[in-house]
Amino acid sequence: MELEKMLKDDFLKQIYYGEVYLSRENPDTPEYQKILQKIRNLSEKIRRERGIGKYFEEYNEAIAIKESMETELHFKLGFKTAVRLLVYGLNDKLDIE
């Protein structure tokens, strides 16, 4: 990817939304698998309840959008912090020499 295009586009957003792949791995721990199974079980129970299934789906969608927005922001902040630390470290090293 060209530097000019990266600067023009929101490169961090592209990484976050999987338009640029830096890694394709998901957590593969027993804890992660356990919480996924719990979510599936609870979702099925709620969907079977009369009258609340529709609201449950709308609620889940709204929560997912909110969490995605927050996670994207945290991803960007973390990335920018890491870059600042690298620049500070390099600058400090250059000043010593």
PDB file of N, CA and C in Angstrom:
ATOM      1  N   MET A   1       0.854  -1.181   0.000  1.00  0.00           N
ATOM      2  CA  MET A   1       0.000   0.000   0.000  1.00  0.00           C
ATOM      3  C   MET A   1       0.895   1.239   0.000  1.00  0.00           C
ATOM      4  N   GLU A   2       0.609   2.178  -0.868  1.00  0.00           N
ATOM      5  CA  GLU A   2       1.406   3.398  -0.975  1.00  0.00           C
ATOM      6  C   GLU A   2       1.245   4.266   0.261  1.00  0.00           C
ATOM      7  N   LEU A   3       2.309   4.951   0.651  1.00  0.00           N
ATOM      8  CA  LEU A   3       2.268   5.827   1.814  1.00  0.00           C
ATOM      9  C   LEU A   3       1.235   6.936   1.624  1.00  0.00           C
ATOM     10  N   GLU A   4       1.197   7.521   0.430  1.00  0.00           N
ATOM     11  CA  GLU A   4       0.256   8.611   0.170  1.00  0.00           C
ATOM     12  C   GLU A   4      -1.191   8.143   0.356  1.00  0.00           C
ATOM     13  N   LYS A   5      -1.507   6.947  -0.145  1.00  0.00           N
ATOM     14  CA  LYS A   5      -2.857   6.408  -0.002  1.00  0.00           C
ATOM     15  C   LYS A   5      -3.160   6.118   1.466  1.00  0.00           C
ATOM     16  N   MET A   6      -2.165   5.587   2.201  1.00  0.00           N
ATOM     17  CA  MET A   6      -2.368   5.301   3.620  1.00  0.00           C
ATOM     18  C   MET A   6      -2.672   6.577   4.389  1.00  0.00           C
ATOM     19  N   LEU A   7      -1.969   7.643   4.062  1.00  0.00           N
ATOM     20  CA  LEU A   7      -2.188   8.905   4.759  1.00  0.00           C
ATOM     21  C   LEU A   7      -3.527   9.521   4.381  1.00  0.00           C
ATOM     22  N   LYS A   8      -3.938   9.345   3.135  1.00  0.00           N
ATOM     23  CA  LYS A   8      -5.202   9.891   2.656  1.00  0.00           C
ATOM     24  C   LYS A   8      -6.383   9.140   3.269  1.00  0.00           C
ATOM     25  N   ASP A   9      -6.299   7.826   3.285  1.00  0.00           N
ATOM     26  CA  ASP A   9      -7.353   6.994   3.859  1.00  0.00           C
ATOM     27  C   ASP A   9      -7.113   6.862   5.358  1.00  0.00           C
ATOM     28  N   ASP A  10      -8.125   6.404   6.064  1.00  0.00           N
ATOM     29  CA  ASP A  10      -7.975   6.142   7.494  1.00  0.00           C
ATOM     30  C   ASP A  10      -7.393   4.746   7.657  1.00  0.00           C
ATOM     31  N   PHE A  11      -6.072   4.647   7.658  1.00  0.00           N
ATOM     32  CA  PHE A  11      -5.369   3.368   7.682  1.00  0.00           C
ATOM     33  C   PHE A  11      -5.719   2.554   8.921  1.00  0.00           C
ATOM     34  N   LEU A  12      -5.807   3.203  10.083  1.00  0.00           N
ATOM     35  CA  LEU A  12      -6.163   2.484  11.299  1.00  0.00           C
ATOM     36  C   LEU A  12      -7.560   1.888  11.199  1.00  0.00           C
ATOM     37  N   LYS A  13      -8.470   2.629  10.612  1.00  0.00           N
ATOM     38  CA  LYS A  13      -9.839   2.115  10.435  1.00  0.00           C
ATOM     39  C   LYS A  13      -9.829   0.914   9.490  1.00  0.00           C
ATOM     40  N   GLN A  14      -9.017   0.977   8.456  1.00  0.00           N
ATOM     41  CA  GLN A  14      -8.916  -0.138   7.514  1.00  0.00           C
ATOM     42  C   GLN A  14      -8.362  -1.383   8.197  1.00  0.00           C
ATOM     43  N   ILE A  15      -7.369  -1.197   9.060  1.00  0.00           N
ATOM     44  CA  ILE A  15      -6.820  -2.333   9.807  1.00  0.00           C
ATOM     45  C   ILE A  15      -7.899  -2.892  10.724  1.00  0.00           C
ATOM     46  N   TYR A  16      -8.567  -2.005  11.456  1.00  0.00           N
ATOM     47  CA  TYR A  16      -9.579  -2.429  12.428  1.00  0.00           C
ATOM     48  C   TYR A  16     -10.704  -3.215  11.770  1.00  0.00           C
ATOM     49  N   TYR A  17     -11.174  -2.767  10.627  1.00  0.00           N
ATOM     50  CA  TYR A  17     -12.305  -3.421   9.965  1.00  0.00           C
ATOM     51  C   TYR A  17     -11.885  -4.535   9.008  1.00  0.00           C
ATOM     52  N   GLY A  18     -10.623  -4.923   9.066  1.00  0.00           N
ATOM     53  CA  GLY A  18     -10.189  -6.081   8.305  1.00  0.00           C
ATOM     54  C   GLY A  18      -9.974  -5.827   6.826  1.00  0.00           C
ATOM     55  N   GLU A  19      -9.846  -4.577   6.439  1.00  0.00           N
ATOM     56  CA  GLU A  19      -9.564  -4.272   5.038  1.00  0.00           C
ATOM     57  C   GLU A  19      -8.073  -4.457   4.755  1.00  0.00           C
ATOM     58  N   VAL A  20      -7.273  -4.391   5.793  1.00  0.00           N
ATOM     59  CA  VAL A  20      -5.841  -4.665   5.729  1.00  0.00           C
ATOM     60  C   VAL A  20      -5.583  -5.713   6.806  1.00  0.00           C
ATOM     61  N   TYR A  21      -5.034  -6.838   6.442  1.00  0.00           N
ATOM     62  CA  TYR A  21      -4.843  -7.923   7.399  1.00  0.00           C
ATOM     63  C   TYR A  21      -3.430  -7.909   7.961  1.00  0.00           C
ATOM     64  N   LEU A  22      -3.336  -7.726   9.260  1.00  0.00           N
ATOM     65  CA  LEU A  22      -2.055  -7.841   9.940  1.00  0.00           C
ATOM     66  C   LEU A  22      -1.994  -9.171  10.689  1.00  0.00           C
ATOM     67  N   SER A  23      -3.160  -9.675  11.048  1.00  0.00           N
ATOM     68  CA  SER A  23      -3.268 -10.951  11.746  1.00  0.00           C
ATOM     69  C   SER A  23      -4.676 -11.478  11.527  1.00  0.00           C
ATOM     70  N   ARG A  24      -4.825 -12.785  11.451  1.00  0.00           N
ATOM     71  CA  ARG A  24      -6.146 -13.376  11.244  1.00  0.00           C
ATOM     72  C   ARG A  24      -6.542 -14.282  12.399  1.00  0.00           C
ATOM     73  N   GLU A  25      -5.939 -14.119  13.532  1.00  0.00           N
ATOM     74  CA  GLU A  25      -6.192 -15.022  14.639  1.00  0.00           C
ATOM     75  C   GLU A  25      -7.218 -14.460  15.607  1.00  0.00           C
ATOM     76  N   ASN A  26      -8.020 -15.364  16.178  1.00  0.00           N
ATOM     77  CA  ASN A  26      -8.945 -15.044  17.249  1.00  0.00           C
ATOM     78  C   ASN A  26      -8.442 -15.707  18.516  1.00  0.00           C
ATOM     79  N   PRO A  27      -8.915 -15.235  19.665  1.00  0.00           N
ATOM     80  CA  PRO A  27      -8.504 -15.912  20.893  1.00  0.00           C
ATOM     81  C   PRO A  27      -8.884 -17.391  20.829  1.00  0.00           C
ATOM     82  N   ASP A  28      -7.999 -18.244  21.228  1.00  0.00           N
ATOM     83  CA  ASP A  28      -8.269 -19.677  21.214  1.00  0.00           C
ATOM     84  C   ASP A  28      -7.937 -20.242  22.586  1.00  0.00           C
ATOM     85  N   THR A  29      -8.654 -19.737  23.574  1.00  0.00           N
ATOM     86  CA  THR A  29      -8.436 -20.187  24.944  1.00  0.00           C
ATOM     87  C   THR A  29      -9.705 -20.854  25.456  1.00  0.00           C
ATOM     88  N   PRO A  30      -9.602 -21.680  26.464  1.00  0.00           N
ATOM     89  CA  PRO A  30     -10.805 -22.294  27.042  1.00  0.00           C
ATOM     90  C   PRO A  30     -11.801 -21.247  27.562  1.00  0.00           C
ATOM     91  N   GLU A  31     -11.286 -20.163  28.116  1.00  0.00           N
ATOM     92  CA  GLU A  31     -12.162 -19.106  28.622  1.00  0.00           C
ATOM     93  C   GLU A  31     -12.977 -18.478  27.492  1.00  0.00           C
ATOM     94  N   TYR A  32     -12.334 -18.229  26.355  1.00  0.00           N
ATOM     95  CA  TYR A  32     -13.014 -17.642  25.204  1.00  0.00           C
ATOM     96  C   TYR A  32     -14.080 -18.593  24.678  1.00  0.00           C
ATOM     97  N   GLN A  33     -13.749 -19.863  24.546  1.00  0.00           N
ATOM     98  CA  GLN A  33     -14.719 -20.852  24.069  1.00  0.00           C
ATOM     99  C   GLN A  33     -15.896 -20.975  25.038  1.00  0.00           C
ATOM    100  N   LYS A  34     -15.609 -20.897  26.332  1.00  0.00           N
ATOM    101  CA  LYS A  34     -16.656 -21.001  27.348  1.00  0.00           C
ATOM    102  C   LYS A  34     -17.637 -19.828  27.247  1.00  0.00           C
ATOM    103  N   ILE A  35     -17.107 -18.620  27.086  1.00  0.00           N
ATOM    104  CA  ILE A  35     -18.001 -17.454  27.002  1.00  0.00           C
ATOM    105  C   ILE A  35     -18.797 -17.477  25.702  1.00  0.00           C
ATOM    106  N   LEU A  36     -18.201 -17.949  24.612  1.00  0.00           N
ATOM    107  CA  LEU A  36     -18.953 -18.081  23.357  1.00  0.00           C
ATOM    108  C   LEU A  36     -20.126 -19.041  23.521  1.00  0.00           C
ATOM    109  N   GLN A  37     -19.889 -20.161  24.183  1.00  0.00           N
ATOM    110  CA  GLN A  37     -20.962 -21.142  24.406  1.00  0.00           C
ATOM    111  C   GLN A  37     -22.043 -20.563  25.307  1.00  0.00           C
ATOM    112  N   LYS A  38     -21.650 -19.821  26.322  1.00  0.00           N
ATOM    113  CA  LYS A  38     -22.620 -19.192  27.225  1.00  0.00           C
ATOM    114  C   LYS A  38     -23.490 -18.197  26.456  1.00  0.00           C
ATOM    115  N   ILE A  39     -22.869 -17.416  25.593  1.00  0.00           N
ATOM    116  CA  ILE A  39     -23.613 -16.444  24.783  1.00  0.00           C
ATOM    117  C   ILE A  39     -24.611 -17.163  23.882  1.00  0.00           C
ATOM    118  N   ARG A  40     -24.172 -18.241  23.228  1.00  0.00           N
ATOM    119  CA  ARG A  40     -25.082 -19.010  22.370  1.00  0.00           C
ATOM    120  C   ARG A  40     -26.271 -19.554  23.152  1.00  0.00           C
ATOM    121  N   ASN A  41     -25.995 -20.119  24.306  1.00  0.00           N
ATOM    122  CA  ASN A  41     -27.071 -20.690  25.133  1.00  0.00           C
ATOM    123  C   ASN A  41     -28.077 -19.635  25.583  1.00  0.00           C
ATOM    124  N   LEU A  42     -27.565 -18.512  26.064  1.00  0.00           N
ATOM    125  CA  LEU A  42     -28.452 -17.443  26.510  1.00  0.00           C
ATOM    126  C   LEU A  42     -29.254 -16.864  25.350  1.00  0.00           C
ATOM    127  N   SER A  43     -28.615 -16.694  24.217  1.00  0.00           N
ATOM    128  CA  SER A  43     -29.314 -16.167  23.038  1.00  0.00           C
ATOM    129  C   SER A  43     -30.475 -17.069  22.639  1.00  0.00           C
ATOM    130  N   GLU A  44     -30.246 -18.362  22.643  1.00  0.00           N
ATOM    131  CA  GLU A  44     -31.308 -19.311  22.285  1.00  0.00           C
ATOM    132  C   GLU A  44     -32.457 -19.253  23.280  1.00  0.00           C
ATOM    133  N   LYS A  45     -32.160 -19.187  24.563  1.00  0.00           N
ATOM    134  CA  LYS A  45     -33.207 -19.103  25.587  1.00  0.00           C
ATOM    135  C   LYS A  45     -34.058 -17.850  25.399  1.00  0.00           C
ATOM    136  N   ILE A  46     -33.404 -16.716  25.168  1.00  0.00           N
ATOM    137  CA  ILE A  46     -34.129 -15.452  25.028  1.00  0.00           C
ATOM    138  C   ILE A  46     -34.951 -15.442  23.747  1.00  0.00           C
ATOM    139  N   ARG A  47     -34.413 -15.979  22.666  1.00  0.00           N
ATOM    140  CA  ARG A  47     -35.151 -16.008  21.398  1.00  0.00           C
ATOM    141  C   ARG A  47     -36.438 -16.823  21.512  1.00  0.00           C
ATOM    142  N   ARG A  48     -36.435 -17.829  22.365  1.00  0.00           N
ATOM    143  CA  ARG A  48     -37.613 -18.683  22.534  1.00  0.00           C
ATOM    144  C   ARG A  48     -38.709 -18.023  23.367  1.00  0.00           C
ATOM    145  N   GLU A  49     -38.353 -17.005  24.142  1.00  0.00           N
ATOM    146  CA  GLU A  49     -39.348 -16.317  24.963  1.00  0.00           C
ATOM    147  C   GLU A  49     -40.316 -15.547  24.075  1.00  0.00           C
ATOM    148  N   ARG A  50     -41.580 -15.638  24.384  1.00  0.00           N
ATOM    149  CA  ARG A  50     -42.598 -14.966  23.565  1.00  0.00           C
ATOM    150  C   ARG A  50     -42.531 -13.456  23.755  1.00  0.00           C
ATOM    151  N   GLY A  51     -42.566 -12.749  22.657  1.00  0.00           N
ATOM    152  CA  GLY A  51     -42.697 -11.304  22.693  1.00  0.00           C
ATOM    153  C   GLY A  51     -41.423 -10.504  22.886  1.00  0.00           C
ATOM    154  N   ILE A  52     -40.360 -11.130  23.350  1.00  0.00           N
ATOM    155  CA  ILE A  52     -39.146 -10.331  23.564  1.00  0.00           C
ATOM    156  C   ILE A  52     -38.058 -10.615  22.550  1.00  0.00           C
ATOM    157  N   GLY A  53     -38.249 -11.623  21.724  1.00  0.00           N
ATOM    158  CA  GLY A  53     -37.228 -11.985  20.738  1.00  0.00           C
ATOM    159  C   GLY A  53     -36.842 -10.832  19.838  1.00  0.00           C
ATOM    160  N   LYS A  54     -37.851 -10.109  19.347  1.00  0.00           N
ATOM    161  CA  LYS A  54     -37.593  -8.974  18.441  1.00  0.00           C
ATOM    162  C   LYS A  54     -36.788  -7.883  19.156  1.00  0.00           C
ATOM    163  N   TYR A  55     -37.190  -7.584  20.382  1.00  0.00           N
ATOM    164  CA  TYR A  55     -36.486  -6.550  21.149  1.00  0.00           C
ATOM    165  C   TYR A  55     -35.064  -6.990  21.497  1.00  0.00           C
ATOM    166  N   PHE A  56     -34.928  -8.269  21.752  1.00  0.00           N
ATOM    167  CA  PHE A  56     -33.604  -8.814  22.049  1.00  0.00           C
ATOM    168  C   PHE A  56     -32.667  -8.631  20.861  1.00  0.00           C
ATOM    169  N   GLU A  57     -33.155  -8.905  19.660  1.00  0.00           N
ATOM    170  CA  GLU A  57     -32.338  -8.737  18.455  1.00  0.00           C
ATOM    171  C   GLU A  57     -31.959  -7.269  18.254  1.00  0.00           C
ATOM    172  N   GLU A  58     -32.914  -6.369  18.440  1.00  0.00           N
ATOM    173  CA  GLU A  58     -32.638  -4.938  18.296  1.00  0.00           C
ATOM    174  C   GLU A  58     -31.636  -4.467  19.351  1.00  0.00           C
ATOM    175  N   TYR A  59     -31.820  -4.960  20.568  1.00  0.00           N
ATOM    176  CA  TYR A  59     -30.913  -4.616  21.658  1.00  0.00           C
ATOM    177  C   TYR A  59     -29.501  -5.100  21.344  1.00  0.00           C
ATOM    178  N   ASN A  60     -29.385  -6.350  20.923  1.00  0.00           N
ATOM    179  CA  ASN A  60     -28.069  -6.910  20.579  1.00  0.00           C
ATOM    180  C   ASN A  60     -27.396  -6.112  19.479  1.00  0.00           C
ATOM    181  N   GLU A  61     -28.150  -5.728  18.471  1.00  0.00           N
ATOM    182  CA  GLU A  61     -27.583  -4.960  17.367  1.00  0.00           C
ATOM    183  C   GLU A  61     -27.080  -3.604  17.850  1.00  0.00           C
ATOM    184  N   ALA A  62     -27.881  -2.931  18.685  1.00  0.00           N
ATOM    185  CA  ALA A  62     -27.478  -1.626  19.203  1.00  0.00           C
ATOM    186  C   ALA A  62     -26.230  -1.748  20.085  1.00  0.00           C
ATOM    187  N   ILE A  63     -26.183  -2.762  20.931  1.00  0.00           N
ATOM    188  CA  ILE A  63     -25.013  -2.981  21.795  1.00  0.00           C
ATOM    189  C   ILE A  63     -23.779  -3.281  20.945  1.00  0.00           C
ATOM    190  N   ALA A  64     -23.940  -4.117  19.917  1.00  0.00           N
ATOM    191  CA  ALA A  64     -22.808  -4.461  19.051  1.00  0.00           C
ATOM    192  C   ALA A  64     -22.254  -3.225  18.350  1.00  0.00           C
ATOM    193  N   ILE A  65     -23.135  -2.365  17.863  1.00  0.00           N
ATOM    194  CA  ILE A  65     -22.689  -1.132  17.190  1.00  0.00           C
ATOM    195  C   ILE A  65     -21.949  -0.237  18.174  1.00  0.00           C
ATOM    196  N   LYS A  66     -22.520  -0.062  19.369  1.00  0.00           N
ATOM    197  CA  LYS A  66     -21.877   0.770  20.397  1.00  0.00           C
ATOM    198  C   LYS A  66     -20.503   0.220  20.766  1.00  0.00           C
ATOM    199  N   GLU A  67     -20.434  -1.083  20.996  1.00  0.00           N
ATOM    200  CA  GLU A  67     -19.158  -1.695  21.374  1.00  0.00           C
ATOM    201  C   GLU A  67     -18.144  -1.620  20.246  1.00  0.00           C
ATOM    202  N   SER A  68     -18.609  -1.745  19.028  1.00  0.00           N
ATOM    203  CA  SER A  68     -17.709  -1.632  17.882  1.00  0.00           C
ATOM    204  C   SER A  68     -17.119  -0.226  17.801  1.00  0.00           C
ATOM    205  N   MET A  69     -17.956   0.765  18.014  1.00  0.00           N
ATOM    206  CA  MET A  69     -17.478   2.155  17.975  1.00  0.00           C
ATOM    207  C   MET A  69     -16.455   2.397  19.090  1.00  0.00           C
ATOM    208  N   GLU A  70     -16.752   1.898  20.290  1.00  0.00           N
ATOM    209  CA  GLU A  70     -15.827   2.079  21.407  1.00  0.00           C
ATOM    210  C   GLU A  70     -14.522   1.319  21.181  1.00  0.00           C
ATOM    211  N   THR A  71     -14.634   0.105  20.671  1.00  0.00           N
ATOM    212  CA  THR A  71     -13.445  -0.704  20.433  1.00  0.00           C
ATOM    213  C   THR A  71     -12.571  -0.087  19.354  1.00  0.00           C
ATOM    214  N   GLU A  72     -13.193   0.450  18.317  1.00  0.00           N
ATOM    215  CA  GLU A  72     -12.418   1.117  17.263  1.00  0.00           C
ATOM    216  C   GLU A  72     -11.645   2.298  17.844  1.00  0.00           C
ATOM    217  N   LEU A  73     -12.304   3.082  18.679  1.00  0.00           N
ATOM    218  CA  LEU A  73     -11.644   4.228  19.301  1.00  0.00           C
ATOM    219  C   LEU A  73     -10.477   3.764  20.174  1.00  0.00           C
ATOM    220  N   HIS A  74     -10.685   2.728  20.978  1.00  0.00           N
ATOM    221  CA  HIS A  74      -9.614   2.222  21.839  1.00  0.00           C
ATOM    222  C   HIS A  74      -8.455   1.650  21.028  1.00  0.00           C
ATOM    223  N   PHE A  75      -8.789   0.993  19.921  1.00  0.00           N
ATOM    224  CA  PHE A  75      -7.752   0.473  19.027  1.00  0.00           C
ATOM    225  C   PHE A  75      -6.888   1.617  18.515  1.00  0.00           C
ATOM    226  N   LYS A  76      -7.525   2.669  18.043  1.00  0.00           N
ATOM    227  CA  LYS A  76      -6.777   3.817  17.516  1.00  0.00           C
ATOM    228  C   LYS A  76      -5.930   4.477  18.598  1.00  0.00           C
ATOM    229  N   LEU A  77      -6.514   4.641  19.781  1.00  0.00           N
ATOM    230  CA  LEU A  77      -5.770   5.265  20.874  1.00  0.00           C
ATOM    231  C   LEU A  77      -4.564   4.413  21.266  1.00  0.00           C
ATOM    232  N   GLY A  78      -4.744   3.101  21.311  1.00  0.00           N
ATOM    233  CA  GLY A  78      -3.636   2.208  21.635  1.00  0.00           C
ATOM    234  C   GLY A  78      -2.543   2.259  20.589  1.00  0.00           C
ATOM    235  N   PHE A  79      -2.940   2.277  19.333  1.00  0.00           N
ATOM    236  CA  PHE A  79      -1.976   2.334  18.242  1.00  0.00           C
ATOM    237  C   PHE A  79      -1.188   3.647  18.296  1.00  0.00           C
ATOM    238  N   LYS A  80      -1.908   4.754  18.488  1.00  0.00           N
ATOM    239  CA  LYS A  80      -1.246   6.058  18.548  1.00  0.00           C
ATOM    240  C   LYS A  80      -0.306   6.146  19.750  1.00  0.00           C
ATOM    241  N   THR A  81      -0.718   5.552  20.866  1.00  0.00           N
ATOM    242  CA  THR A  81       0.139   5.541  22.048  1.00  0.00           C
ATOM    243  C   THR A  81       1.420   4.761  21.770  1.00  0.00           C
ATOM    244  N   ALA A  82       1.281   3.618  21.118  1.00  0.00           N
ATOM    245  CA  ALA A  82       2.459   2.803  20.787  1.00  0.00           C
ATOM    246  C   ALA A  82       3.413   3.568  19.877  1.00  0.00           C
ATOM    247  N   VAL A  83       2.870   4.257  18.897  1.00  0.00           N
ATOM    248  CA  VAL A  83       3.719   5.036  17.976  1.00  0.00           C
ATOM    249  C   VAL A  83       4.420   6.157  18.745  1.00  0.00           C
ATOM    250  N   ARG A  84       3.699   6.817  19.619  1.00  0.00           N
ATOM    251  CA  ARG A  84       4.318   7.892  20.415  1.00  0.00           C
ATOM    252  C   ARG A  84       5.454   7.349  21.282  1.00  0.00           C
ATOM    253  N   LEU A  85       5.236   6.180  21.886  1.00  0.00           N
ATOM    254  CA  LEU A  85       6.288   5.565  22.702  1.00  0.00           C
ATOM    255  C   LEU A  85       7.510   5.222  21.853  1.00  0.00           C
ATOM    256  N   LEU A  86       7.286   4.712  20.650  1.00  0.00           N
ATOM    257  CA  LEU A  86       8.406   4.405  19.750  1.00  0.00           C
ATOM    258  C   LEU A  86       9.161   5.668  19.368  1.00  0.00           C
ATOM    259  N   VAL A  87       8.432   6.708  19.022  1.00  0.00           N
ATOM    260  CA  VAL A  87       9.073   7.975  18.645  1.00  0.00           C
ATOM    261  C   VAL A  87       9.853   8.533  19.826  1.00  0.00           C
ATOM    262  N   TYR A  88       9.261   8.487  21.006  1.00  0.00           N
ATOM    263  CA  TYR A  88       9.953   8.970  22.208  1.00  0.00           C
ATOM    264  C   TYR A  88      11.223   8.160  22.453  1.00  0.00           C
ATOM    265  N   GLY A  89      11.108   6.849  22.331  1.00  0.00           N
ATOM    266  CA  GLY A  89      12.273   5.988  22.538  1.00  0.00           C
ATOM    267  C   GLY A  89      13.362   6.250  21.525  1.00  0.00           C
ATOM    268  N   LEU A  90      12.992   6.418  20.279  1.00  0.00           N
ATOM    269  CA  LEU A  90      13.988   6.707  19.241  1.00  0.00           C
ATOM    270  C   LEU A  90      14.603   8.078  19.443  1.00  0.00           C
ATOM    271  N   ASN A  91      13.783   9.053  19.799  1.00  0.00           N
ATOM    272  CA  ASN A  91      14.276  10.406  20.033  1.00  0.00           C
ATOM    273  C   ASN A  91      15.236  10.418  21.211  1.00  0.00           C
ATOM    274  N   ASP A  92      14.886   9.709  22.262  1.00  0.00           N
ATOM    275  CA  ASP A  92      15.748   9.635  23.446  1.00  0.00           C
ATOM    276  C   ASP A  92      17.080   8.987  23.087  1.00  0.00           C
ATOM    277  N   LYS A  93      17.034   7.933  22.301  1.00  0.00           N
ATOM    278  CA  LYS A  93      18.260   7.244  21.890  1.00  0.00           C
ATOM    279  C   LYS A  93      19.126   8.150  21.012  1.00  0.00           C
ATOM    280  N   LEU A  94      18.483   8.920  20.150  1.00  0.00           N
ATOM    281  CA  LEU A  94      19.241   9.827  19.283  1.00  0.00           C
ATOM    282  C   LEU A  94      19.900  10.925  20.085  1.00  0.00           C
ATOM    283  N   ASP A  95      19.240  11.396  21.145  1.00  0.00           N
ATOM    284  CA  ASP A  95      19.813  12.458  21.972  1.00  0.00           C
ATOM    285  C   ASP A  95      21.036  11.991  22.747  1.00  0.00           C
ATOM    286  N   ILE A  96      21.058  10.703  23.118  1.00  0.00           N
ATOM    287  CA  ILE A  96      22.174  10.160  23.886  1.00  0.00           C
ATOM    288  C   ILE A  96      23.426  10.070  23.031  1.00  0.00           C
ATOM    289  N   GLU A  97      23.279   9.703  21.784  1.00  0.00           N
ATOM    290  CA  GLU A  97      24.441   9.486  20.919  1.00  0.00           C
ATOM    291  C   GLU A  97      25.012  10.754  20.439  1.00  0.00           C
TER     292      GLU A  97
END
